[in-house]
PDB file of N, CA and C in Angstrom:
ATOM      1  N   MET A   1      81.841  85.015  93.208  1.00  0.00           N
ATOM      2  CA  MET A   1      81.309  84.872  94.530  1.00  0.00           C
ATOM      3  C   MET A   1      81.915  85.952  95.432  1.00  0.00           C
ATOM      4  N   LYS A   2      81.079  86.598  96.190  1.00  0.00           N
ATOM      5  CA  LYS A   2      81.561  87.631  97.093  1.00  0.00           C
ATOM      6  C   LYS A   2      82.186  87.011  98.329  1.00  0.00           C
ATOM      7  N   ARG A   3      83.183  87.707  98.842  1.00  0.00           N
ATOM      8  CA  ARG A   3      83.858  87.250 100.052  1.00  0.00           C
ATOM      9  C   ARG A   3      83.119  87.743 101.289  1.00  0.00           C
ATOM     10  N   ILE A   4      83.109  86.915 102.290  1.00  0.00           N
ATOM     11  CA  ILE A   4      82.622  87.313 103.605  1.00  0.00           C
ATOM     12  C   ILE A   4      83.856  87.524 104.462  1.00  0.00           C
ATOM     13  N   ILE A   5      83.959  88.693 105.072  1.00  0.00           N
ATOM     14  CA  ILE A   5      85.133  89.025 105.865  1.00  0.00           C
ATOM     15  C   ILE A   5      84.706  89.294 107.305  1.00  0.00           C
ATOM     16  N   PHE A   6      85.284  88.544 108.223  1.00  0.00           N
ATOM     17  CA  PHE A   6      85.047  88.769 109.645  1.00  0.00           C
ATOM     18  C   PHE A   6      86.264  89.486 110.217  1.00  0.00           C
ATOM     19  N   LEU A   7      86.006  90.453 111.086  1.00  0.00           N
ATOM     20  CA  LEU A   7      87.063  91.157 111.804  1.00  0.00           C
ATOM     21  C   LEU A   7      86.878  90.823 113.277  1.00  0.00           C
ATOM     22  N   SER A   8      87.841  90.135 113.827  1.00  0.00           N
ATOM     23  CA  SER A   8      87.720  89.714 115.219  1.00  0.00           C
ATOM     24  C   SER A   8      89.096  89.702 115.862  1.00  0.00           C
ATOM     25  N   ARG A   9      89.203  90.255 117.028  1.00  0.00           N
ATOM     26  CA  ARG A   9      90.483  90.317 117.733  1.00  0.00           C
ATOM     27  C   ARG A   9      91.042  88.914 117.978  1.00  0.00           C
ATOM     28  N   PHE A  10      90.141  87.946 118.232  1.00  0.00           N
ATOM     29  CA  PHE A  10      90.559  86.574 118.497  1.00  0.00           C
ATOM     30  C   PHE A  10      89.765  85.606 117.627  1.00  0.00           C
ATOM     31  N   PHE A  11      90.422  84.531 117.210  1.00  0.00           N
ATOM     32  CA  PHE A  11      89.805  83.529 116.344  1.00  0.00           C
ATOM     33  C   PHE A  11      90.486  82.184 116.608  1.00  0.00           C
ATOM     34  N   PHE A  12      89.927  81.123 116.064  1.00  0.00           N
ATOM     35  CA  PHE A  12      90.456  79.769 116.198  1.00  0.00           C
ATOM     36  C   PHE A  12      91.982  79.762 116.103  1.00  0.00           C
ATOM     37  N   PRO A  13      92.675  79.099 116.966  1.00  0.00           N
ATOM     38  CA  PRO A  13      92.267  78.109 117.955  1.00  0.00           C
ATOM     39  C   PRO A  13      91.966  78.683 119.337  1.00  0.00           C
ATOM     40  N   ASP A  14      91.802  79.991 119.432  1.00  0.00           N
ATOM     41  CA  ASP A  14      91.495  80.618 120.706  1.00  0.00           C
ATOM     42  C   ASP A  14      90.150  80.123 121.239  1.00  0.00           C
ATOM     43  N   ASN A  15      89.991  80.105 122.551  1.00  0.00           N
ATOM     44  CA  ASN A  15      88.763  79.593 123.165  1.00  0.00           C
ATOM     45  C   ASN A  15      87.912  80.659 123.832  1.00  0.00           C
ATOM     46  N   SER A  16      88.201  81.935 123.586  1.00  0.00           N
ATOM     47  CA  SER A  16      87.378  82.983 124.186  1.00  0.00           C
ATOM     48  C   SER A  16      85.975  82.935 123.577  1.00  0.00           C
ATOM     49  N   ASP A  17      85.025  83.549 124.249  1.00  0.00           N
ATOM     50  CA  ASP A  17      83.627  83.504 123.800  1.00  0.00           C
ATOM     51  C   ASP A  17      83.445  84.035 122.383  1.00  0.00           C
ATOM     52  N   ILE A  18      83.977  85.222 122.104  1.00  0.00           N
ATOM     53  CA  ILE A  18      83.785  85.805 120.773  1.00  0.00           C
ATOM     54  C   ILE A  18      84.494  84.968 119.719  1.00  0.00           C
ATOM     55  N   SER A  19      85.625  84.417 120.072  1.00  0.00           N
ATOM     56  CA  SER A  19      86.342  83.547 119.136  1.00  0.00           C
ATOM     57  C   SER A  19      85.495  82.340 118.769  1.00  0.00           C
ATOM     58  N   GLN A  20      84.876  81.724 119.743  1.00  0.00           N
ATOM     59  CA  GLN A  20      84.042  80.547 119.490  1.00  0.00           C
ATOM     60  C   GLN A  20      82.865  80.877 118.576  1.00  0.00           C
ATOM     61  N   ILE A  21      82.228  82.007 118.804  1.00  0.00           N
ATOM     62  CA  ILE A  21      81.069  82.400 117.989  1.00  0.00           C
ATOM     63  C   ILE A  21      81.498  82.659 116.544  1.00  0.00           C
ATOM     64  N   VAL A  22      82.545  83.456 116.357  1.00  0.00           N
ATOM     65  CA  VAL A  22      83.010  83.785 115.001  1.00  0.00           C
ATOM     66  C   VAL A  22      83.545  82.534 114.306  1.00  0.00           C
ATOM     67  N   THR A  23      84.260  81.686 115.036  1.00  0.00           N
ATOM     68  CA  THR A  23      84.798  80.450 114.458  1.00  0.00           C
ATOM     69  C   THR A  23      83.681  79.550 113.962  1.00  0.00           C
ATOM     70  N   ASP A  24      82.671  79.325 114.787  1.00  0.00           N
ATOM     71  CA  ASP A  24      81.553  78.467 114.386  1.00  0.00           C
ATOM     72  C   ASP A  24      80.856  79.010 113.145  1.00  0.00           C
ATOM     73  N   LEU A  25      80.600  80.301 113.118  1.00  0.00           N
ATOM     74  CA  LEU A  25      79.920  80.906 111.978  1.00  0.00           C
ATOM     75  C   LEU A  25      80.787  80.857 110.718  1.00  0.00           C
ATOM     76  N   ALA A  26      82.059  81.188 110.847  1.00  0.00           N
ATOM     77  CA  ALA A  26      82.963  81.181 109.687  1.00  0.00           C
ATOM     78  C   ALA A  26      83.101  79.779 109.107  1.00  0.00           C
ATOM     79  N   PHE A  27      83.304  78.781 109.957  1.00  0.00           N
ATOM     80  CA  PHE A  27      83.441  77.407 109.477  1.00  0.00           C
ATOM     81  C   PHE A  27      82.150  76.923 108.827  1.00  0.00           C
ATOM     82  N   HIS A  28      81.015  77.292 109.391  1.00  0.00           N
ATOM     83  CA  HIS A  28      79.723  76.891 108.819  1.00  0.00           C
ATOM     84  C   HIS A  28      79.539  77.490 107.420  1.00  0.00           C
ATOM     85  N   LEU A  29      79.836  78.774 107.278  1.00  0.00           N
ATOM     86  CA  LEU A  29      79.683  79.428 105.972  1.00  0.00           C
ATOM     87  C   LEU A  29      80.665  78.863 104.948  1.00  0.00           C
ATOM     88  N   ALA A  30      81.883  78.564 105.375  1.00  0.00           N
ATOM     89  CA  ALA A  30      82.864  77.966 104.454  1.00  0.00           C
ATOM     90  C   ALA A  30      82.411  76.576 104.028  1.00  0.00           C
ATOM     91  N   PHE A  31      81.843  75.819 104.944  1.00  0.00           N
ATOM     92  CA  PHE A  31      81.333  74.485 104.623  1.00  0.00           C
ATOM     93  C   PHE A  31      80.214  74.560 103.583  1.00  0.00           C
ATOM     94  N   GLN A  32      79.449  75.647 103.596  1.00  0.00           N
ATOM     95  CA  GLN A  32      78.389  75.854 102.609  1.00  0.00           C
ATOM     96  C   GLN A  32      78.926  76.328 101.268  1.00  0.00           C
ATOM     97  N   GLY A  33      80.233  76.504 101.150  1.00  0.00           N
ATOM     98  CA  GLY A  33      80.835  76.897  99.885  1.00  0.00           C
ATOM     99  C   GLY A  33      81.108  78.378  99.745  1.00  0.00           C
ATOM    100  N   ARG A  34      80.934  79.136 100.790  1.00  0.00           N
ATOM    101  CA  ARG A  34      81.196  80.579 100.734  1.00  0.00           C
ATOM    102  C   ARG A  34      82.692  80.856 100.845  1.00  0.00           C
ATOM    103  N   SER A  35      83.111  81.975 100.293  1.00  0.00           N
ATOM    104  CA  SER A  35      84.494  82.422 100.421  1.00  0.00           C
ATOM    105  C   SER A  35      84.594  83.243 101.707  1.00  0.00           C
ATOM    106  N   VAL A  36      85.236  82.677 102.715  1.00  0.00           N
ATOM    107  CA  VAL A  36      85.271  83.296 104.041  1.00  0.00           C
ATOM    108  C   VAL A  36      86.701  83.651 104.414  1.00  0.00           C
ATOM    109  N   HIS A  37      86.875  84.887 104.869  1.00  0.00           N
ATOM    110  CA  HIS A  37      88.167  85.373 105.345  1.00  0.00           C
ATOM    111  C   HIS A  37      87.972  85.929 106.751  1.00  0.00           C
ATOM    112  N   VAL A  38      88.959  85.723 107.595  1.00  0.00           N
ATOM    113  CA  VAL A  38      88.942  86.283 108.944  1.00  0.00           C
ATOM    114  C   VAL A  38      90.225  87.071 109.132  1.00  0.00           C
ATOM    115  N   VAL A  39      90.081  88.319 109.555  1.00  0.00           N
ATOM    116  CA  VAL A  39      91.231  89.148 109.891  1.00  0.00           C
ATOM    117  C   VAL A  39      91.258  89.222 111.410  1.00  0.00           C
ATOM    118  N   THR A  40      92.347  88.761 111.990  1.00  0.00           N
ATOM    119  CA  THR A  40      92.457  88.627 113.434  1.00  0.00           C
ATOM    120  C   THR A  40      93.889  88.901 113.867  1.00  0.00           C
ATOM    121  N   SER A  41      94.175  88.731 115.141  1.00  0.00           N
ATOM    122  CA  SER A  41      95.536  88.972 115.628  1.00  0.00           C
ATOM    123  C   SER A  41      96.312  87.664 115.714  1.00  0.00           C
ATOM    124  N   GLN A  42      97.604  87.771 115.893  1.00  0.00           N
ATOM    125  CA  GLN A  42      98.451  86.595 116.046  1.00  0.00           C
ATOM    126  C   GLN A  42      98.482  86.111 117.489  1.00  0.00           C
ATOM    127  N   GLN A  43      97.807  86.794 118.371  1.00  0.00           N
ATOM    128  CA  GLN A  43      97.801  86.422 119.778  1.00  0.00           C
ATOM    129  C   GLN A  43      96.563  85.612 120.139  1.00  0.00           C
ATOM    130  N   ARG A  44      96.637  84.992 121.295  1.00  0.00           N
ATOM    131  CA  ARG A  44      95.489  84.298 121.867  1.00  0.00           C
ATOM    132  C   ARG A  44      95.077  85.039 123.131  1.00  0.00           C
ATOM    133  N   TYR A  45      93.789  85.019 123.425  1.00  0.00           N
ATOM    134  CA  TYR A  45      93.284  85.694 124.615  1.00  0.00           C
ATOM    135  C   TYR A  45      93.909  85.109 125.878  1.00  0.00           C
ATOM    136  N   ASP A  46      93.987  83.781 125.935  1.00  0.00           N
ATOM    137  CA  ASP A  46      94.495  83.113 127.128  1.00  0.00           C
ATOM    138  C   ASP A  46      96.020  82.961 127.143  1.00  0.00           C
ATOM    139  N   ASP A  47      96.681  83.353 126.052  1.00  0.00           N
ATOM    140  CA  ASP A  47      98.137  83.264 125.973  1.00  0.00           C
ATOM    141  C   ASP A  47      98.668  84.399 125.104  1.00  0.00           C
ATOM    142  N   PRO A  48      98.807  85.602 125.673  1.00  0.00           N
ATOM    143  CA  PRO A  48      99.237  86.748 124.866  1.00  0.00           C
ATOM    144  C   PRO A  48     100.642  86.613 124.300  1.00  0.00           C
ATOM    145  N   GLU A  49     101.431  85.663 124.795  1.00  0.00           N
ATOM    146  CA  GLU A  49     102.770  85.446 124.266  1.00  0.00           C
ATOM    147  C   GLU A  49     102.769  84.577 123.009  1.00  0.00           C
ATOM    148  N   ALA A  50     101.663  83.922 122.719  1.00  0.00           N
ATOM    149  CA  ALA A  50     101.566  83.061 121.534  1.00  0.00           C
ATOM    150  C   ALA A  50     101.692  83.904 120.272  1.00  0.00           C
ATOM    151  N   GLN A  51     102.337  83.353 119.266  1.00  0.00           N
ATOM    152  CA  GLN A  51     102.458  84.011 117.967  1.00  0.00           C
ATOM    153  C   GLN A  51     101.973  83.032 116.907  1.00  0.00           C
ATOM    154  N   LEU A  52     100.703  83.113 116.562  1.00  0.00           N
ATOM    155  CA  LEU A  52     100.112  82.231 115.564  1.00  0.00           C
ATOM    156  C   LEU A  52     100.578  82.656 114.167  1.00  0.00           C
ATOM    157  N   PRO A  53     100.550  81.741 113.190  1.00  0.00           N
ATOM    158  CA  PRO A  53     101.045  82.069 111.845  1.00  0.00           C
ATOM    159  C   PRO A  53     100.256  83.191 111.175  1.00  0.00           C
ATOM    160  N   ALA A  54     100.934  83.989 110.368  1.00  0.00           N
ATOM    161  CA  ALA A  54     100.320  85.147 109.718  1.00  0.00           C
ATOM    162  C   ALA A  54      99.240  84.750 108.718  1.00  0.00           C
ATOM    163  N   GLU A  55      99.398  83.649 108.024  1.00  0.00           N
ATOM    164  CA  GLU A  55      98.433  83.198 107.017  1.00  0.00           C
ATOM    165  C   GLU A  55      98.183  81.712 107.196  1.00  0.00           C
ATOM    166  N   LYS A  56      96.937  81.314 107.108  1.00  0.00           N
ATOM    167  CA  LYS A  56      96.614  79.895 107.208  1.00  0.00           C
ATOM    168  C   LYS A  56      95.189  79.680 106.705  1.00  0.00           C
ATOM    169  N   ILE A  57      94.945  78.526 106.115  1.00  0.00           N
ATOM    170  CA  ILE A  57      93.591  78.136 105.725  1.00  0.00           C
ATOM    171  C   ILE A  57      93.207  76.950 106.585  1.00  0.00           C
ATOM    172  N   VAL A  58      92.101  77.080 107.313  1.00  0.00           N
ATOM    173  CA  VAL A  58      91.599  76.021 108.178  1.00  0.00           C
ATOM    174  C   VAL A  58      90.134  75.795 107.832  1.00  0.00           C
ATOM    175  N   ALA A  59      89.800  74.563 107.485  1.00  0.00           N
ATOM    176  CA  ALA A  59      88.416  74.187 107.150  1.00  0.00           C
ATOM    177  C   ALA A  59      87.811  75.131 106.116  1.00  0.00           C
ATOM    178  N   GLY A  60      88.623  75.553 105.156  1.00  0.00           N
ATOM    179  CA  GLY A  60      88.142  76.419 104.088  1.00  0.00           C
ATOM    180  C   GLY A  60      88.097  77.895 104.425  1.00  0.00           C
ATOM    181  N   VAL A  61      88.475  78.271 105.628  1.00  0.00           N
ATOM    182  CA  VAL A  61      88.472  79.675 106.055  1.00  0.00           C
ATOM    183  C   VAL A  61      89.888  80.232 105.926  1.00  0.00           C
ATOM    184  N   HIS A  62      90.012  81.340 105.217  1.00  0.00           N
ATOM    185  CA  HIS A  62      91.295  82.013 105.032  1.00  0.00           C
ATOM    186  C   HIS A  62      91.536  82.916 106.248  1.00  0.00           C
ATOM    187  N   ILE A  63      92.548  82.593 107.030  1.00  0.00           N
ATOM    188  CA  ILE A  63      92.837  83.351 108.240  1.00  0.00           C
ATOM    189  C   ILE A  63      94.029  84.259 107.980  1.00  0.00           C
ATOM    190  N   HIS A  64      93.835  85.544 108.206  1.00  0.00           N
ATOM    191  CA  HIS A  64      94.882  86.554 108.047  1.00  0.00           C
ATOM    192  C   HIS A  64      95.159  87.117 109.443  1.00  0.00           C
ATOM    193  N   ARG A  65      96.324  86.830 109.977  1.00  0.00           N
ATOM    194  CA  ARG A  65      96.654  87.264 111.337  1.00  0.00           C
ATOM    195  C   ARG A  65      97.607  88.453 111.294  1.00  0.00           C
ATOM    196  N   LEU A  66      97.237  89.478 112.032  1.00  0.00           N
ATOM    197  CA  LEU A  66      98.012  90.706 112.069  1.00  0.00           C
ATOM    198  C   LEU A  66      98.891  90.754 113.307  1.00  0.00           C
ATOM    199  N   PRO A  67     100.111  91.239 113.161  1.00  0.00           N
ATOM    200  CA  PRO A  67     100.947  91.416 114.351  1.00  0.00           C
ATOM    201  C   PRO A  67     100.414  92.574 115.184  1.00  0.00           C
ATOM    202  N   THR A  68     100.534  92.445 116.477  1.00  0.00           N
ATOM    203  CA  THR A  68     100.145  93.534 117.376  1.00  0.00           C
ATOM    204  C   THR A  68     101.285  93.779 118.335  1.00  0.00           C
ATOM    205  N   GLY A  69     101.322  94.963 118.863  1.00  0.00           N
ATOM    206  CA  GLY A  69     102.382  95.292 119.814  1.00  0.00           C
ATOM    207  C   GLY A  69     102.223  94.495 121.095  1.00  0.00           C
ATOM    208  N   ARG A  70     103.316  94.256 121.731  1.00  0.00           N
ATOM    209  CA  ARG A  70     103.287  93.556 123.020  1.00  0.00           C
ATOM    210  C   ARG A  70     103.664  94.548 124.105  1.00  0.00           C
ATOM    211  N   PHE A  71     102.763  94.728 125.028  1.00  0.00           N
ATOM    212  CA  PHE A  71     103.010  95.645 126.130  1.00  0.00           C
ATOM    213  C   PHE A  71     103.112  94.837 127.410  1.00  0.00           C
ATOM    214  N   ARG A  72     103.959  95.244 128.287  1.00  0.00           N
ATOM    215  CA  ARG A  72     104.231  94.485 129.502  1.00  0.00           C
ATOM    216  C   ARG A  72     103.248  94.777 130.618  1.00  0.00           C
ATOM    217  N   PHE A  73     102.219  95.520 130.349  1.00  0.00           N
ATOM    218  CA  PHE A  73     101.254  95.854 131.394  1.00  0.00           C
ATOM    219  C   PHE A  73     100.342  94.677 131.728  1.00  0.00           C
ATOM    220  N   GLY A  74     100.146  93.768 130.785  1.00  0.00           N
ATOM    221  CA  GLY A  74      99.289  92.607 131.018  1.00  0.00           C
ATOM    222  C   GLY A  74      97.818  92.914 130.831  1.00  0.00           C
ATOM    223  N   ARG A  75      97.012  91.879 130.823  1.00  0.00           N
ATOM    224  CA  ARG A  75      95.580  92.026 130.597  1.00  0.00           C
ATOM    225  C   ARG A  75      94.856  92.536 131.832  1.00  0.00           C
ATOM    226  N   SER A  76      95.492  92.456 132.987  1.00  0.00           N
ATOM    227  CA  SER A  76      94.825  92.895 134.208  1.00  0.00           C
ATOM    228  C   SER A  76      94.835  94.410 134.352  1.00  0.00           C
ATOM    229  N   GLU A  77      95.713  95.081 133.641  1.00  0.00           N
ATOM    230  CA  GLU A  77      95.806  96.532 133.711  1.00  0.00           C
ATOM    231  C   GLU A  77      95.061  97.165 132.539  1.00  0.00           C
ATOM    232  N   LEU A  78      94.240  98.137 132.829  1.00  0.00           N
ATOM    233  CA  LEU A  78      93.441  98.797 131.792  1.00  0.00           C
ATOM    234  C   LEU A  78      94.324  99.453 130.728  1.00  0.00           C
ATOM    235  N   LEU A  79      95.407 100.072 131.142  1.00  0.00           N
ATOM    236  CA  LEU A  79      96.295 100.729 130.184  1.00  0.00           C
ATOM    237  C   LEU A  79      96.908  99.724 129.215  1.00  0.00           C
ATOM    238  N   GLY A  80      97.408  98.602 129.728  1.00  0.00           N
ATOM    239  CA  GLY A  80      98.001  97.580 128.866  1.00  0.00           C
ATOM    240  C   GLY A  80      97.005  97.000 127.897  1.00  0.00           C
ATOM    241  N   ARG A  81      95.810  96.712 128.384  1.00  0.00           N
ATOM    242  CA  ARG A  81      94.763  96.181 127.518  1.00  0.00           C
ATOM    243  C   ARG A  81      94.392  97.195 126.446  1.00  0.00           C
ATOM    244  N   SER A  82      94.288  98.454 126.828  1.00  0.00           N
ATOM    245  CA  SER A  82      93.938  99.516 125.867  1.00  0.00           C
ATOM    246  C   SER A  82      94.992  99.649 124.777  1.00  0.00           C
ATOM    247  N   LEU A  83      96.264  99.612 125.166  1.00  0.00           N
ATOM    248  CA  LEU A  83      97.334  99.709 124.175  1.00  0.00           C
ATOM    249  C   LEU A  83      97.355  98.501 123.248  1.00  0.00           C
ATOM    250  N   ASP A  84      97.066  97.327 123.791  1.00  0.00           N
ATOM    251  CA  ASP A  84      97.031  96.111 122.987  1.00  0.00           C
ATOM    252  C   ASP A  84      95.922  96.198 121.935  1.00  0.00           C
ATOM    253  N   TYR A  85      94.743  96.619 122.349  1.00  0.00           N
ATOM    254  CA  TYR A  85      93.635  96.758 121.398  1.00  0.00           C
ATOM    255  C   TYR A  85      93.910  97.867 120.388  1.00  0.00           C
ATOM    256  N   ALA A  86      94.467  98.982 120.839  1.00  0.00           N
ATOM    257  CA  ALA A  86      94.757 100.092 119.922  1.00  0.00           C
ATOM    258  C   ALA A  86      95.748  99.661 118.846  1.00  0.00           C
ATOM    259  N   SER A  87      96.767  98.885 119.216  1.00  0.00           N
ATOM    260  CA  SER A  87      97.739  98.443 118.216  1.00  0.00           C
ATOM    261  C   SER A  87      97.100  97.484 117.221  1.00  0.00           C
ATOM    262  N   PHE A  88      96.174  96.640 117.689  1.00  0.00           N
ATOM    263  CA  PHE A  88      95.474  95.736 116.774  1.00  0.00           C
ATOM    264  C   PHE A  88      94.627  96.523 115.782  1.00  0.00           C
ATOM    265  N   TYR A  89      93.851  97.491 116.273  1.00  0.00           N
ATOM    266  CA  TYR A  89      92.979  98.248 115.375  1.00  0.00           C
ATOM    267  C   TYR A  89      93.768  99.114 114.399  1.00  0.00           C
ATOM    268  N   ALA A  90      94.921  99.631 114.806  1.00  0.00           N
ATOM    269  CA  ALA A  90      95.766 100.388 113.881  1.00  0.00           C
ATOM    270  C   ALA A  90      96.284  99.473 112.776  1.00  0.00           C
ATOM    271  N   SER A  91      96.716  98.292 113.140  1.00  0.00           N
ATOM    272  CA  SER A  91      97.193  97.320 112.157  1.00  0.00           C
ATOM    273  C   SER A  91      96.050  96.862 111.255  1.00  0.00           C
ATOM    274  N   LEU A  92      94.874  96.677 111.834  1.00  0.00           N
ATOM    275  CA  LEU A  92      93.700  96.263 111.071  1.00  0.00           C
ATOM    276  C   LEU A  92      93.333  97.317 110.033  1.00  0.00           C
ATOM    277  N   TRP A  93      93.299  98.551 110.437  1.00  0.00           N
ATOM    278  CA  TRP A  93      92.926  99.647 109.543  1.00  0.00           C
ATOM    279  C   TRP A  93      93.870  99.719 108.352  1.00  0.00           C
ATOM    280  N   SER A  94      95.150  99.563 108.602  1.00  0.00           N
ATOM    281  CA  SER A  94      96.122  99.693 107.516  1.00  0.00           C
ATOM    282  C   SER A  94      96.139  98.468 106.592  1.00  0.00           C
ATOM    283  N   SER A  95      95.652  97.324 107.057  1.00  0.00           N
ATOM    284  CA  SER A  95      95.707  96.084 106.273  1.00  0.00           C
ATOM    285  C   SER A  95      94.389  95.721 105.584  1.00  0.00           C
ATOM    286  N   LEU A  96      93.289  96.185 106.102  1.00  0.00           N
ATOM    287  CA  LEU A  96      91.987  95.769 105.580  1.00  0.00           C
ATOM    288  C   LEU A  96      91.771  96.180 104.129  1.00  0.00           C
ATOM    289  N   ASN A  97      92.250  97.332 103.740  1.00  0.00           N
ATOM    290  CA  ASN A  97      92.083  97.804 102.366  1.00  0.00           C
ATOM    291  C   ASN A  97      92.687  96.832 101.356  1.00  0.00           C
ATOM    292  N   LYS A  98      93.776  96.185 101.723  1.00  0.00           N
ATOM    293  CA  LYS A  98      94.414  95.229 100.821  1.00  0.00           C
ATOM    294  C   LYS A  98      93.537  94.005 100.575  1.00  0.00           C
ATOM    295  N   LEU A  99      92.760  93.617 101.576  1.00  0.00           N
ATOM    296  CA  LEU A  99      91.909  92.436 101.441  1.00  0.00           C
ATOM    297  C   LEU A  99      90.632  92.741 100.664  1.00  0.00           C
ATOM    298  N   VAL A 100      90.052  93.891 100.845  1.00  0.00           N
ATOM    299  CA  VAL A 100      88.779  94.184 100.185  1.00  0.00           C
ATOM    300  C   VAL A 100      88.934  94.570  98.723  1.00  0.00           C
ATOM    301  N   ASN A 101      90.140  94.975  98.318  1.00  0.00           N
ATOM    302  CA  ASN A 101      90.372  95.294  96.918  1.00  0.00           C
ATOM    303  C   ASN A 101      90.725  94.023  96.150  1.00  0.00           C
ATOM    304  N   PRO A 102      90.078  93.801  94.994  1.00  0.00           N
ATOM    305  CA  PRO A 102      90.367  92.579  94.211  1.00  0.00           C
ATOM    306  C   PRO A 102      91.850  92.479  93.856  1.00  0.00           C
ATOM    307  N   GLY A 103      92.361  91.269  93.931  1.00  0.00           N
ATOM    308  CA  GLY A 103      93.729  91.010  93.561  1.00  0.00           C
ATOM    309  C   GLY A 103      94.749  91.362  94.636  1.00  0.00           C
ATOM    310  N   ALA A 104      94.289  91.880  95.760  1.00  0.00           N
ATOM    311  CA  ALA A 104      95.205  92.243  96.819  1.00  0.00           C
ATOM    312  C   ALA A 104      95.293  91.132  97.847  1.00  0.00           C
ATOM    313  N   SER A 105      96.374  91.106  98.568  1.00  0.00           N
ATOM    314  CA  SER A 105      96.518  90.158  99.669  1.00  0.00           C
ATOM    315  C   SER A 105      97.148  90.884 100.841  1.00  0.00           C
ATOM    316  N   LEU A 106      97.018  90.294 102.007  1.00  0.00           N
ATOM    317  CA  LEU A 106      97.592  90.920 103.210  1.00  0.00           C
ATOM    318  C   LEU A 106      99.069  90.673 103.299  1.00  0.00           C
TER     319      LEU A 106
END
């Protein structure tokens, strides 16, 4: 069975709009018996200080959380937000290859 991999900056238990959409779809596909993986960050949109666990399976969905840098600029500043996203995408790029290759893990 092929894996379905979602890449999303935020995922369950986060309540942001994109998190809700990806969470609903991922849980639905896992319920149908699909192999679903989500690569996301350890932070929450509404709580950037939160550090969610690096690996977890919820409702059949394999969640792989990547560490991201913490910048003190906050979400209200464009520079801080840009650095936060850039650190996530750099971490994502370096980790994704491990997930898509058979036998690899994050």
